Amino acid sequence: MSDTAITEKATQTKTVVRLAGVSKVFGRGAHVVPALDNVTLDVPTGEFTCLIGASGCGKSTLLSLVAGLERPSAGEISVTARQVALMFQEPALFPWLTAQGNVELALRARGTGKSERRQRAAELLDLVRLNGFGAKRPHELSGGMRQRVALARALAQNADVLLMDEPFGALDAMTRDVMHDELDRIRDGRELTVLFVTHNVREAVRLGDRVVVMSSHPGRVAAEFAVPIPHPRRTDSAPVAELAATITDRLRAEVAR
């Protein structure tokens, strides 16, 4: 690619999520707990950005702020997405609804008609490789399958920004690896921007275009690492392991402060 083409591509890339000097505190007076301090971060359209850091560094709080569930104590947040969807570590499915019913609920909230809801929910379940499981209730599905339903429900919101808070943390290693492959496949050909929280550095390098290291108490952006490793990636590949080791060293230095 020529220098001109690279410049044109950079010019066309727009920032879809922007945090400028964002701080967040909880409580009042002597009981104030600072969660985030002066966080500035730009996420361009189509980028998969992973946030890592020790527990309590404000990663989940940052996602809640971007989702509009919390308001910043200081600073500004700009989200130019059509729709933002949030996916948690637990699938949080309604147990009395089927897999299809859980996905249709998100479509119903958007005002989608009944016949279109059924068709679209079936398409989304097929997209996450759950064709034939639409009539099953959550207790009849494995943990990985429940997370697939949660992913289909998030995509049903027609979101172009997907906020994922350790969505695969409770899964076994093999199922997590399969979900990584599925997420890669779903992202392929879509202009989907992802902000992904994880404690697993290799997972961050396996999935991300960029890894952002957060400091602790309060959370700040301590370092950023581009991930130039071409897809498809494997968690146990040498390039992934090498970059993950570098990031882990940086993370350990932050935790030790």
Protein backbone atom coordinates (compact mmCIF):
# COMPACT_ATOMS: atom_id res chain seq x y z
CA MET A 1 0.00 0.00 0.00
CA SER A 2 1.38 3.43 -0.95
CA ASP A 3 1.93 6.27 1.53
CA THR A 4 -0.92 8.15 -0.18
CA ALA A 5 -3.31 5.22 0.30
CA ILE A 6 -2.33 4.92 3.94
CA THR A 7 -2.96 8.63 4.48
CA GLU A 8 -6.35 8.45 2.76
CA LYS A 9 -7.35 5.43 4.86
CA ALA A 10 -6.34 7.19 8.08
CA THR A 11 -8.33 10.25 7.05
CA GLN A 12 -11.44 8.15 6.38
CA THR A 13 -11.26 6.41 9.77
CA LYS A 14 -13.57 8.16 12.21
CA THR A 15 -13.53 8.10 15.99
CA VAL A 16 -16.74 6.51 17.22
CA VAL A 17 -15.99 6.57 20.98
CA ARG A 18 -14.04 9.44 22.56
CA LEU A 19 -13.23 9.99 26.22
CA ALA A 20 -11.57 13.31 27.04
CA GLY A 21 -10.23 13.86 30.56
CA VAL A 22 -12.86 11.57 32.06
CA SER A 23 -12.88 11.04 35.82
CA LYS A 24 -15.39 9.16 37.96
CA VAL A 25 -15.74 9.11 41.73
CA PHE A 26 -18.23 7.24 43.90
CA GLY A 27 -19.46 8.42 47.29
CA ARG A 28 -19.18 11.79 49.00
CA GLY A 29 -17.01 13.58 51.50
CA ALA A 30 -14.65 11.34 53.42
CA HIS A 31 -16.11 8.30 51.68
CA VAL A 32 -15.18 9.32 48.13
CA VAL A 33 -13.69 6.48 46.09
CA PRO A 34 -11.98 7.56 42.82
CA ALA A 35 -12.57 4.97 40.10
CA LEU A 36 -11.18 6.75 37.03
CA ASP A 37 -8.89 9.74 36.76
CA ASN A 38 -8.36 11.88 33.66
CA VAL A 39 -8.86 9.09 31.11
CA THR A 40 -8.43 10.13 27.49
CA LEU A 41 -9.07 7.49 24.86
CA ASP A 42 -10.16 7.49 21.22
CA VAL A 43 -11.64 4.35 19.64
CA PRO A 44 -11.87 4.50 15.83
CA THR A 45 -14.64 2.88 13.83
CA GLY A 46 -14.11 -0.83 13.35
CA GLU A 47 -11.34 -1.23 15.94
CA PHE A 48 -11.29 -4.02 18.52
CA THR A 49 -9.88 -2.33 21.65
CA CYS A 50 -9.08 -4.44 24.70
CA LEU A 51 -8.83 -3.00 28.21
CA ILE A 52 -6.74 -4.86 30.77
CA GLY A 53 -5.77 -4.07 34.33
CA ALA A 54 -5.96 -5.32 37.89
CA SER A 55 -9.33 -5.77 39.57
CA GLY A 56 -10.75 -2.44 40.68
CA CYS A 57 -8.93 -0.35 38.07
CA GLY A 58 -12.20 0.98 36.63
CA LYS A 59 -12.48 -1.07 33.43
CA SER A 60 -16.14 -1.97 33.97
CA THR A 61 -16.89 1.57 35.14
CA LEU A 62 -15.47 2.86 31.86
CA LEU A 63 -17.82 0.59 29.90
CA SER A 64 -20.77 1.75 32.00
CA LEU A 65 -19.89 5.37 31.22
CA VAL A 66 -19.68 4.69 27.48
CA ALA A 67 -23.00 2.81 27.64
CA GLY A 68 -24.63 5.78 29.40
CA LEU A 69 -25.41 3.79 32.55
CA GLU A 70 -23.23 6.16 34.61
CA ARG A 71 -22.34 9.84 34.25
CA PRO A 72 -18.74 11.04 34.49
CA SER A 73 -17.75 13.21 37.45
CA ALA A 74 -15.53 15.24 35.11
CA GLY A 75 -14.57 15.25 31.45
CA GLU A 76 -16.53 14.49 28.31
CA ILE A 77 -17.67 11.32 26.55
CA SER A 78 -18.73 11.31 22.91
CA VAL A 79 -20.31 8.29 21.24
CA THR A 80 -21.32 8.73 17.60
CA ALA A 81 -22.59 5.17 17.13
CA ARG A 82 -26.04 4.34 15.83
CA GLN A 83 -26.55 1.98 18.76
CA VAL A 84 -24.44 0.68 21.66
CA ALA A 85 -24.93 -2.82 23.11
CA LEU A 86 -23.46 -4.12 26.37
CA MET A 87 -22.59 -7.77 26.97
CA PHE A 88 -21.69 -8.95 30.48
CA GLN A 89 -19.69 -11.89 31.85
CA GLU A 90 -22.94 -13.64 32.78
CA PRO A 91 -25.40 -14.12 29.90
CA ALA A 92 -28.28 -12.72 32.01
CA LEU A 93 -30.90 -14.54 29.95
CA PHE A 94 -34.54 -14.72 31.05
CA PRO A 95 -34.92 -18.36 32.21
CA TRP A 96 -38.62 -18.60 31.28
CA LEU A 97 -37.93 -17.59 27.66
CA THR A 98 -36.45 -19.78 24.96
CA ALA A 99 -33.21 -18.87 23.21
CA GLN A 100 -35.26 -17.41 20.37
CA GLY A 101 -37.51 -15.59 22.83
CA ASN A 102 -34.52 -13.95 24.52
CA VAL A 103 -33.24 -12.66 21.18
CA GLU A 104 -36.73 -11.57 20.09
CA LEU A 105 -37.07 -9.52 23.29
CA ALA A 106 -34.27 -7.20 22.12
CA LEU A 107 -35.97 -6.86 18.75
CA ARG A 108 -39.32 -6.17 20.38
CA ALA A 109 -37.75 -3.33 22.36
CA ARG A 110 -36.76 -1.79 19.02
CA GLY A 111 -40.37 -1.95 17.82
CA THR A 112 -39.82 -4.75 15.31
CA GLY A 113 -43.00 -6.47 14.17
CA LYS A 114 -43.81 -10.02 15.26
CA SER A 115 -43.15 -11.84 11.99
CA GLU A 116 -39.96 -9.88 11.34
CA ARG A 117 -38.81 -10.55 14.92
CA ARG A 118 -39.11 -14.29 14.42
CA GLN A 119 -37.22 -14.23 11.15
CA ARG A 120 -34.47 -11.92 12.39
CA ALA A 121 -34.01 -13.84 15.67
CA ALA A 122 -33.67 -17.10 13.72
CA GLU A 123 -31.07 -15.46 11.46
CA LEU A 124 -29.07 -14.21 14.43
CA LEU A 125 -29.13 -17.60 16.16
CA ASP A 126 -27.89 -19.12 12.92
CA LEU A 127 -25.15 -16.47 12.80
CA VAL A 128 -23.86 -17.60 16.22
CA ARG A 129 -24.20 -21.26 15.15
CA LEU A 130 -27.27 -22.08 17.25
CA ASN A 131 -29.50 -23.17 14.40
CA GLY A 132 -31.93 -25.75 15.81
CA PHE A 133 -31.60 -24.56 19.43
CA GLY A 134 -34.08 -21.69 19.31
CA ALA A 135 -36.73 -23.61 21.26
CA LYS A 136 -34.35 -24.49 24.11
CA ARG A 137 -34.48 -22.64 27.41
CA PRO A 138 -31.27 -21.40 29.07
CA HIS A 139 -31.04 -24.32 31.53
CA GLU A 140 -30.99 -26.71 28.55
CA LEU A 141 -27.95 -25.01 27.01
CA SER A 142 -24.26 -25.20 27.87
CA GLY A 143 -22.40 -22.15 29.17
CA GLY A 144 -20.92 -21.47 25.76
CA MET A 145 -24.33 -21.75 24.10
CA ARG A 146 -25.85 -19.31 26.60
CA GLN A 147 -23.10 -16.81 25.77
CA ARG A 148 -23.88 -17.28 22.08
CA VAL A 149 -27.51 -16.40 22.80
CA ALA A 150 -26.34 -13.31 24.71
CA LEU A 151 -24.16 -12.33 21.74
CA ALA A 152 -27.08 -12.80 19.34
CA ARG A 153 -29.25 -10.65 21.62
CA ALA A 154 -26.59 -7.92 21.64
CA LEU A 155 -26.35 -8.00 17.85
CA ALA A 156 -30.16 -7.86 17.64
CA GLN A 157 -29.97 -4.30 18.92
CA ASN A 158 -28.45 -3.34 15.56
CA ALA A 159 -25.45 -2.02 17.46
CA ASP A 160 -22.34 -0.81 15.72
CA VAL A 161 -20.49 -0.49 19.04
CA LEU A 162 -20.33 -3.60 21.22
CA LEU A 163 -19.17 -3.26 24.84
CA MET A 164 -18.05 -6.61 26.26
CA ASP A 165 -17.29 -6.97 29.98
CA GLU A 166 -15.31 -10.21 30.40
CA PRO A 167 -17.92 -12.13 28.38
CA PHE A 168 -15.86 -15.34 28.19
CA GLY A 169 -14.28 -15.24 31.66
CA ALA A 170 -16.47 -18.01 33.10
CA LEU A 171 -15.95 -20.41 30.18
CA ASP A 172 -13.46 -23.27 30.04
CA ALA A 173 -10.37 -22.77 27.87
CA MET A 174 -11.62 -24.82 24.91
CA THR A 175 -15.05 -23.14 24.80
CA ARG A 176 -13.41 -19.72 25.16
CA ASP A 177 -11.16 -20.49 22.20
CA VAL A 178 -14.18 -21.46 20.10
CA MET A 179 -15.94 -18.22 21.09
CA HIS A 180 -12.86 -16.26 20.02
CA ASP A 181 -13.09 -17.86 16.58
CA GLU A 182 -16.81 -17.12 16.39
CA LEU A 183 -16.31 -13.48 17.34
CA ASP A 184 -13.64 -13.16 14.64
CA ARG A 185 -16.00 -14.67 12.10
CA ILE A 186 -18.90 -12.39 13.05
CA ARG A 187 -16.69 -9.30 12.92
CA ASP A 188 -15.37 -10.23 9.50
CA GLY A 189 -17.04 -8.06 6.88
CA ARG A 190 -18.83 -5.91 9.49
CA GLU A 191 -17.91 -2.43 10.62
CA LEU A 192 -18.32 -3.41 14.26
CA THR A 193 -16.41 -1.49 16.92
CA VAL A 194 -15.66 -3.48 20.09
CA LEU A 195 -14.50 -2.30 23.51
CA PHE A 196 -13.56 -5.49 25.36
CA VAL A 197 -12.65 -5.83 29.05
CA THR A 198 -10.57 -8.83 30.12
CA HIS A 199 -8.07 -9.93 32.77
CA ASN A 200 -6.53 -12.41 30.33
CA VAL A 201 -3.60 -10.80 28.49
CA ARG A 202 -3.36 -13.54 25.88
CA GLU A 203 -7.06 -13.18 25.18
CA ALA A 204 -6.53 -9.46 24.64
CA VAL A 205 -3.69 -10.07 22.17
CA ARG A 206 -5.61 -12.90 20.48
CA LEU A 207 -8.61 -10.66 19.78
CA GLY A 208 -7.53 -7.05 19.86
CA ASP A 209 -6.24 -4.52 17.35
CA ARG A 210 -4.99 -2.55 20.36
CA VAL A 211 -4.48 -3.35 24.04
CA VAL A 212 -4.87 -0.56 26.59
CA VAL A 213 -3.26 -1.13 30.00
CA MET A 214 -5.04 0.56 32.92
CA SER A 215 -3.34 1.59 36.15
CA SER A 216 -4.98 0.94 39.51
CA HIS A 217 -6.74 3.08 42.11
CA PRO A 218 -7.74 5.23 40.33
CA GLY A 219 -7.78 3.92 36.79
CA ARG A 220 -5.72 5.77 34.22
CA VAL A 221 -4.43 4.84 30.77
CA ALA A 222 -0.92 3.64 31.60
CA ALA A 223 0.15 2.25 28.21
CA GLU A 224 -1.15 1.24 24.80
CA PHE A 225 0.08 -1.59 22.58
CA ALA A 226 -0.81 -2.04 18.92
CA VAL A 227 -1.30 -5.68 17.87
CA PRO A 228 0.20 -6.02 14.37
CA ILE A 229 -0.20 -9.82 14.27
CA PRO A 230 -2.23 -10.87 11.20
CA HIS A 231 -5.41 -12.90 11.52
CA PRO A 232 -6.21 -15.70 12.05
CA ARG A 233 -4.45 -15.82 15.41
CA ARG A 234 -4.05 -18.58 17.96
CA THR A 235 -3.77 -18.01 21.68
CA ASP A 236 -0.80 -20.39 21.89
CA SER A 237 1.09 -19.02 18.87
CA ALA A 238 4.60 -17.62 19.38
CA PRO A 239 3.80 -14.04 18.24
CA VAL A 240 0.76 -13.85 20.54
CA ALA A 241 2.73 -15.29 23.47
CA GLU A 242 5.65 -12.90 22.89
CA LEU A 243 3.53 -9.75 22.81
CA ALA A 244 1.42 -11.00 25.74
CA ALA A 245 4.61 -11.43 27.80
CA THR A 246 5.65 -7.83 27.06
CA ILE A 247 2.23 -6.51 28.05
CA THR A 248 2.19 -8.68 31.17
CA ASP A 249 5.50 -7.17 32.28
CA ARG A 250 4.01 -3.69 31.86
CA LEU A 251 0.89 -4.72 33.74
CA ARG A 252 2.95 -6.16 36.61
CA ALA A 253 4.85 -2.90 36.86
CA GLU A 254 1.54 -1.04 37.22
CA VAL A 255 0.22 -3.44 39.84
CA ALA A 256 3.46 -3.08 41.83
CA ARG A 257 3.18 0.72 42.00
